[in-house]
Amino acid sequence: MKFKGLQEFLDSKEKSELQKLMQEKEGIMNSLAESQTELEKQREAVRDLISDVEHQLQCSTIEMLQAVNSVLTRSQTLRVKLPKMIPRKQRRIFQAPDVKGMLQELQGQMDAQRYWVHVTLRQVRNKHVAINMEKRQIQRQYRYTSSLQDYKTSDLGVLGIPAMQSGKHYWEVDVSGCDAWILGLNDGRCAQAQLHSINQMGSMYNSHDKQHENYQPKCGYWVIGMRNRFVYNAFVECSVTRNASVLVLSLTRPPSRVGVFLDREACTLSFYDVSNHGALIYKFYEPFFPDTVHPYFNPMESLKPMTVCGPPS
């Protein structure tokens, strides 16, 4: 199984590098084709000018003098353009990818899977959240409420079981089809606190909005999130000022399955894109984790469910 995963990982990297080379080749060929077309246009323009000059030379002196201004103007506006130079970076000798780094990345996620724990969702009394019978799936429920205050204070975040006080813990979450989500760890305070309305949560990604300050380590959250299908963030804080910040994450493709690995011994929390051969999404370094933390799940405004995956059989 390990070697099969390694082979698939290397095959994926090979396809990725070949795709880059093909894109470079296509860009170079398009550039050459454009240069060739431009040169052909210039050649025709020069030929036309030469033909006109030869024709004027056959005319009388008066006619030739009358046309000289036109010929001079055309010759001055005619400028031979050099072909586009191929950028040096596109003429580089192919550099093989860092295989050692790729293997270490893959190995990190594979090692984490050894500590897979059976995580379930804690049942909550919240009419805006639906949890299935197996307590492994959470979904946003849109319900009408006559109380605006009730609507605004509903918190969609749910804690997972078991609580984690020591050791290493790994679990995976299926987020395929979701428009938005937040997942990671919480210190347990979200079970009591009522934080945001849906409208507020939709705006919390704005760095100028103070709503995102609730989703940071000093408030008991170590989470990453996705909104609008393709915007990915890590909710962090400055190590010096402790001010909240929303870090934009750059992913090669949307993850459909996210692996979460808590290593309390190393004081780290890692997120992996399981659907992309275990590529590392983000890692928190937190020397001051609380004594007890819980898996955290929030479906946000997405109508599609988040599903906690069971360990492979």
Protein backbone atom coordinates (compact mmCIF):
# COMPACT_ATOMS: atom_id res chain seq x y z
CA MET A 1 0.00 0.00 0.00
CA LYS A 2 2.85 2.35 0.89
CA PHE A 3 4.70 1.71 -2.38
CA LYS A 4 1.46 2.08 -4.35
CA GLY A 5 0.88 5.48 -2.77
CA LEU A 6 4.46 6.46 -3.52
CA GLN A 7 4.09 5.41 -7.15
CA GLU A 8 0.84 7.36 -7.52
CA PHE A 9 2.48 10.39 -5.91
CA LEU A 10 5.48 10.29 -8.25
CA ASP A 11 3.21 9.70 -11.26
CA SER A 12 1.23 12.77 -10.29
CA LYS A 13 4.39 14.88 -9.98
CA GLU A 14 5.61 13.57 -13.34
CA LYS A 15 2.34 14.57 -15.01
CA SER A 16 2.55 17.97 -13.36
CA GLU A 17 6.09 18.59 -14.63
CA LEU A 18 5.21 17.35 -18.12
CA GLN A 19 2.23 19.67 -18.15
CA LYS A 20 4.49 22.60 -17.24
CA LEU A 21 6.88 21.68 -20.06
CA MET A 22 4.03 21.40 -22.55
CA GLN A 23 2.74 24.81 -21.47
CA GLU A 24 6.24 26.27 -21.92
CA LYS A 25 6.51 24.64 -25.33
CA GLU A 26 3.12 25.98 -26.36
CA GLY A 27 4.08 29.47 -25.22
CA ILE A 28 7.36 29.38 -27.15
CA MET A 29 5.70 28.05 -30.32
CA ASN A 30 2.98 30.71 -30.13
CA SER A 31 5.64 33.40 -29.68
CA LEU A 32 7.58 32.10 -32.69
CA ALA A 33 4.41 31.95 -34.80
CA GLU A 34 3.57 35.56 -33.91
CA SER A 35 7.11 36.66 -34.79
CA GLN A 36 6.93 34.83 -38.12
CA THR A 37 3.60 36.48 -38.97
CA GLU A 38 5.00 39.91 -38.08
CA LEU A 39 8.12 39.35 -40.19
CA GLU A 40 6.00 38.32 -43.18
CA LYS A 41 3.96 41.52 -42.85
CA GLN A 42 7.13 43.59 -42.69
CA ARG A 43 8.58 41.81 -45.71
CA GLU A 44 5.48 42.59 -47.75
CA ALA A 45 5.61 46.23 -46.65
CA VAL A 46 9.27 46.52 -47.70
CA ARG A 47 8.52 44.86 -51.05
CA ASP A 48 5.66 47.31 -51.69
CA LEU A 49 7.90 50.25 -50.86
CA ILE A 50 10.68 49.01 -53.15
CA SER A 51 8.17 48.44 -55.94
CA ASP A 52 6.82 51.98 -55.57
CA VAL A 53 10.34 53.48 -55.63
CA GLU A 54 11.21 51.51 -58.76
CA HIS A 55 7.98 52.70 -60.36
CA GLN A 56 8.76 56.33 -59.51
CA LEU A 57 12.22 55.98 -61.04
CA GLN A 58 10.56 55.18 -64.36
CA CYS A 59 8.52 58.39 -64.24
CA SER A 60 9.53 61.87 -65.31
CA THR A 61 11.68 64.01 -63.05
CA ILE A 62 8.75 66.24 -62.10
CA GLU A 63 6.51 63.29 -61.21
CA MET A 64 9.33 61.70 -59.22
CA LEU A 65 9.91 64.90 -57.23
CA GLN A 66 6.20 65.21 -56.54
CA ALA A 67 6.10 61.68 -55.10
CA VAL A 68 9.33 61.89 -53.13
CA ASN A 69 7.66 63.20 -49.96
CA SER A 70 5.24 60.27 -49.93
CA VAL A 71 8.08 57.78 -50.36
CA LEU A 72 10.15 59.41 -47.62
CA THR A 73 7.21 59.40 -45.21
CA ARG A 74 6.53 55.72 -45.82
CA SER A 75 10.20 54.82 -45.42
CA GLN A 76 10.38 56.71 -42.13
CA THR A 77 7.30 55.03 -40.69
CA LEU A 78 8.50 51.63 -41.78
CA ARG A 79 10.50 50.18 -38.93
CA VAL A 80 11.72 46.63 -39.00
CA LYS A 81 10.79 45.04 -35.68
CA LEU A 82 12.97 42.38 -34.20
CA PRO A 83 11.33 39.05 -33.39
CA LYS A 84 10.19 38.54 -29.82
CA MET A 85 12.95 37.13 -27.71
CA ILE A 86 12.15 33.93 -25.87
CA PRO A 87 12.43 34.68 -22.14
CA ARG A 88 15.54 33.23 -20.59
CA LYS A 89 13.49 31.32 -18.05
CA GLN A 90 11.78 29.52 -20.94
CA ARG A 91 15.15 28.56 -22.43
CA ARG A 92 16.45 27.15 -19.19
CA ILE A 93 17.78 23.66 -18.85
CA PHE A 94 15.06 21.55 -17.29
CA GLN A 95 15.44 21.41 -13.53
CA ALA A 96 14.22 18.20 -11.97
CA PRO A 97 11.86 18.74 -9.02
CA ASP A 98 13.06 18.27 -5.47
CA VAL A 99 12.30 14.57 -5.20
CA LYS A 100 13.64 14.39 -1.66
CA GLY A 101 11.34 17.20 -0.57
CA MET A 102 8.37 15.57 -2.30
CA LEU A 103 9.06 12.25 -0.61
CA GLN A 104 9.38 13.93 2.78
CA GLU A 105 6.05 15.66 2.18
CA LEU A 106 4.38 12.39 1.25
CA GLN A 107 6.03 10.56 4.13
CA GLY A 108 4.76 13.16 6.59
CA GLN A 109 1.14 12.54 5.70
CA MET A 110 1.61 8.76 5.55
CA ASP A 111 3.23 8.77 8.99
CA ALA A 112 0.37 10.88 10.33
CA GLN A 113 -2.17 8.29 9.17
CA ARG A 114 -0.66 5.81 11.62
CA TYR A 115 -2.31 7.83 14.40
CA TRP A 116 -5.81 7.76 12.95
CA VAL A 117 -8.46 8.18 15.64
CA HIS A 118 -12.18 7.53 15.38
CA VAL A 119 -13.70 11.01 15.59
CA THR A 120 -17.42 11.63 15.92
CA LEU A 121 -19.45 14.82 16.27
CA ARG A 122 -20.87 15.99 19.55
CA GLN A 123 -24.63 16.29 19.34
CA VAL A 124 -25.88 19.86 19.78
CA ARG A 125 -29.26 21.46 20.27
CA ASN A 126 -29.09 23.90 17.41
CA LYS A 127 -31.85 24.09 14.84
CA HIS A 128 -29.44 25.61 12.32
CA VAL A 129 -27.22 22.51 12.33
CA ALA A 130 -28.07 18.93 11.36
CA ILE A 131 -25.93 15.98 12.49
CA ASN A 132 -26.67 12.51 11.15
CA MET A 133 -27.39 9.40 13.20
CA GLU A 134 -23.81 8.14 12.98
CA LYS A 135 -22.58 11.53 14.27
CA ARG A 136 -20.11 11.81 11.44
CA GLN A 137 -21.83 14.30 9.16
CA ILE A 138 -22.70 17.95 9.79
CA GLN A 139 -24.81 20.16 7.55
CA ARG A 140 -26.14 23.71 7.62
CA GLN A 141 -29.90 23.88 8.10
CA TYR A 142 -31.71 26.94 6.75
CA ARG A 143 -34.74 27.53 8.92
CA TYR A 144 -37.02 30.51 9.29
CA THR A 145 -36.94 32.17 12.69
CA SER A 146 -39.06 35.07 13.86
CA SER A 147 -36.36 36.10 16.31
CA LEU A 148 -33.62 38.09 14.62
CA GLN A 149 -31.48 37.82 17.74
CA ASP A 150 -31.79 34.03 17.70
CA TYR A 151 -30.74 33.97 14.05
CA LYS A 152 -27.78 36.27 14.62
CA THR A 153 -26.36 34.41 17.61
CA SER A 154 -26.58 30.89 16.23
CA ASP A 155 -23.15 29.34 16.09
CA LEU A 156 -22.71 26.56 13.57
CA GLY A 157 -19.46 25.23 15.01
CA VAL A 158 -19.53 21.72 16.47
CA LEU A 159 -16.89 19.96 18.55
CA GLY A 160 -15.68 16.46 17.90
CA ILE A 161 -15.06 13.57 20.24
CA PRO A 162 -12.67 12.48 21.72
CA ALA A 163 -11.01 15.33 23.55
CA MET A 164 -7.26 15.35 22.96
CA GLN A 165 -4.92 15.93 25.87
CA SER A 166 -1.70 14.23 24.80
CA GLY A 167 -0.06 12.20 22.05
CA LYS A 168 -0.72 12.24 18.32
CA HIS A 169 -4.11 12.27 16.61
CA TYR A 170 -5.11 12.15 12.95
CA TRP A 171 -8.49 12.36 11.24
CA GLU A 172 -9.85 13.18 7.79
CA VAL A 173 -12.80 15.27 6.65
CA ASP A 174 -14.61 14.99 3.32
CA VAL A 175 -15.42 18.52 2.10
CA SER A 176 -16.15 17.66 -1.54
CA GLY A 177 -18.87 19.86 -3.00
CA CYS A 178 -18.84 22.30 -0.08
CA ASP A 179 -19.00 26.02 -0.84
CA ALA A 180 -17.45 26.91 2.50
CA TRP A 181 -16.11 25.30 5.67
CA ILE A 182 -13.89 25.79 8.70
CA LEU A 183 -12.12 22.96 10.46
CA GLY A 184 -9.29 22.33 12.88
CA LEU A 185 -9.13 22.55 16.68
CA ASN A 186 -10.99 24.37 19.44
CA ASP A 187 -10.27 24.58 23.15
CA GLY A 188 -13.90 23.85 24.02
CA ARG A 189 -15.13 27.40 24.42
CA CYS A 190 -17.25 27.23 21.27
CA ALA A 191 -19.56 24.81 23.08
CA GLN A 192 -20.66 27.66 25.34
CA ALA A 193 -20.06 30.76 23.22
CA GLN A 194 -22.47 32.02 20.60
CA LEU A 195 -20.28 33.88 18.19
CA HIS A 196 -21.68 34.93 14.84
CA SER A 197 -24.66 35.22 12.62
CA ILE A 198 -24.46 33.77 9.15
CA ASN A 199 -24.09 37.25 7.73
CA GLN A 200 -21.28 38.02 10.14
CA MET A 201 -19.52 34.78 9.37
CA GLY A 202 -19.72 35.54 5.69
CA SER A 203 -17.80 38.76 6.26
CA MET A 204 -15.26 37.49 8.74
CA TYR A 205 -12.72 36.82 5.98
CA ASN A 206 -12.41 40.55 5.37
CA SER A 207 -9.15 41.60 6.97
CA HIS A 208 -10.73 44.96 7.81
CA ASP A 209 -13.58 43.29 9.67
CA LYS A 210 -13.13 42.41 13.33
CA GLN A 211 -15.31 39.30 13.10
CA HIS A 212 -12.37 37.17 12.03
CA GLU A 213 -10.63 37.93 15.32
CA ASN A 214 -12.80 35.27 16.97
CA TYR A 215 -11.18 32.56 14.85
CA GLN A 216 -7.63 32.90 16.10
CA PRO A 217 -5.47 30.98 18.58
CA LYS A 218 -5.90 33.42 21.48
CA CYS A 219 -9.66 32.80 21.26
CA GLY A 220 -9.16 29.05 21.27
CA TYR A 221 -9.23 28.32 17.52
CA TRP A 222 -6.54 26.74 15.36
CA VAL A 223 -8.39 26.46 12.07
CA ILE A 224 -8.25 26.87 8.32
CA GLY A 225 -11.24 27.67 6.14
CA MET A 226 -12.61 27.91 2.64
CA ARG A 227 -15.19 30.28 1.17
CA ASN A 228 -16.61 30.91 -2.29
CA ARG A 229 -15.35 27.50 -3.44
CA PHE A 230 -11.76 28.58 -4.03
CA VAL A 231 -10.60 31.09 -1.38
CA TYR A 232 -8.57 29.38 1.34
CA ASN A 233 -7.42 30.96 4.59
CA ALA A 234 -5.57 30.17 7.78
CA PHE A 235 -6.66 32.18 10.82
CA VAL A 236 -3.50 33.19 12.62
CA GLU A 237 -2.08 35.90 14.85
CA CYS A 238 1.16 37.85 14.91
CA SER A 239 3.65 36.24 17.30
CA VAL A 240 4.80 39.68 18.49
CA THR A 241 1.67 41.84 18.62
CA ARG A 242 -0.80 38.94 18.96
CA ASN A 243 -3.04 40.76 16.50
CA ALA A 244 -5.43 38.66 14.41
CA SER A 245 -4.64 38.02 10.78
CA VAL A 246 -6.16 36.08 7.91
CA LEU A 247 -3.52 34.34 5.84
CA VAL A 248 -4.42 33.54 2.23
CA LEU A 249 -3.38 30.02 1.25
CA SER A 250 -2.32 29.17 -2.29
CA LEU A 251 -3.46 25.70 -3.37
CA THR A 252 -2.90 24.07 -6.74
CA ARG A 253 -6.41 22.64 -6.72
CA PRO A 254 -9.42 22.47 -4.37
CA PRO A 255 -9.04 19.70 -1.79
CA SER A 256 -11.97 17.33 -1.56
CA ARG A 257 -10.59 15.59 1.51
CA VAL A 258 -8.55 17.21 4.27
CA GLY A 259 -6.36 15.36 6.76
CA VAL A 260 -5.77 16.94 10.18
CA PHE A 261 -2.82 15.85 12.32
CA LEU A 262 -2.30 17.02 15.90
CA ASP A 263 1.11 16.25 17.36
CA ARG A 264 1.07 17.48 20.95
CA GLU A 265 4.64 16.34 21.51
CA ALA A 266 5.90 18.53 18.65
CA CYS A 267 3.31 21.27 19.41
CA THR A 268 2.08 21.28 15.80
CA LEU A 269 -1.22 21.04 13.96
CA SER A 270 -0.92 20.09 10.27
CA PHE A 271 -3.50 20.10 7.49
CA TYR A 272 -3.01 17.85 4.44
CA ASP A 273 -4.72 17.70 1.06
CA VAL A 274 -5.42 13.97 1.00
CA SER A 275 -6.96 14.27 -2.48
CA ASN A 276 -3.63 15.65 -3.76
CA HIS A 277 -1.34 12.91 -2.47
CA GLY A 278 -1.04 14.36 1.00
CA ALA A 279 0.28 17.79 0.03
CA LEU A 280 0.74 20.00 3.08
CA ILE A 281 -1.83 22.81 3.19
CA TYR A 282 -0.75 24.59 6.37
CA LYS A 283 0.93 23.92 9.71
CA PHE A 284 0.39 25.67 13.03
CA TYR A 285 3.28 25.79 15.50
CA GLU A 286 1.73 26.27 18.92
CA PRO A 287 3.89 25.79 22.03
CA PHE A 288 0.98 26.73 24.29
CA PHE A 289 -1.86 24.40 23.34
CA PRO A 290 -4.46 24.18 26.14
CA ASP A 291 -4.51 21.05 28.26
CA THR A 292 -7.54 19.83 26.32
CA VAL A 293 -8.51 20.51 22.71
CA HIS A 294 -11.26 19.15 20.48
CA PRO A 295 -11.68 18.63 16.73
CA TYR A 296 -13.74 21.51 15.35
CA PHE A 297 -16.14 21.53 12.39
CA ASN A 298 -18.17 24.38 10.91
CA PRO A 299 -20.15 24.00 7.65
CA MET A 300 -20.62 27.78 7.37
CA GLU A 301 -23.19 28.69 4.70
CA SER A 302 -22.63 25.57 2.59
CA LEU A 303 -25.62 23.37 1.84
CA LYS A 304 -23.37 20.37 1.25
CA PRO A 305 -22.42 18.33 4.34
CA MET A 306 -18.99 17.92 5.88
CA THR A 307 -18.27 14.28 6.66
CA VAL A 308 -15.79 12.87 9.15
CA CYS A 309 -14.13 9.91 7.45
CA GLY A 310 -13.48 6.61 9.14
CA PRO A 311 -10.06 4.95 9.09
CA PRO A 312 -9.31 2.69 6.12
CA SER A 313 -10.28 -0.93 6.64
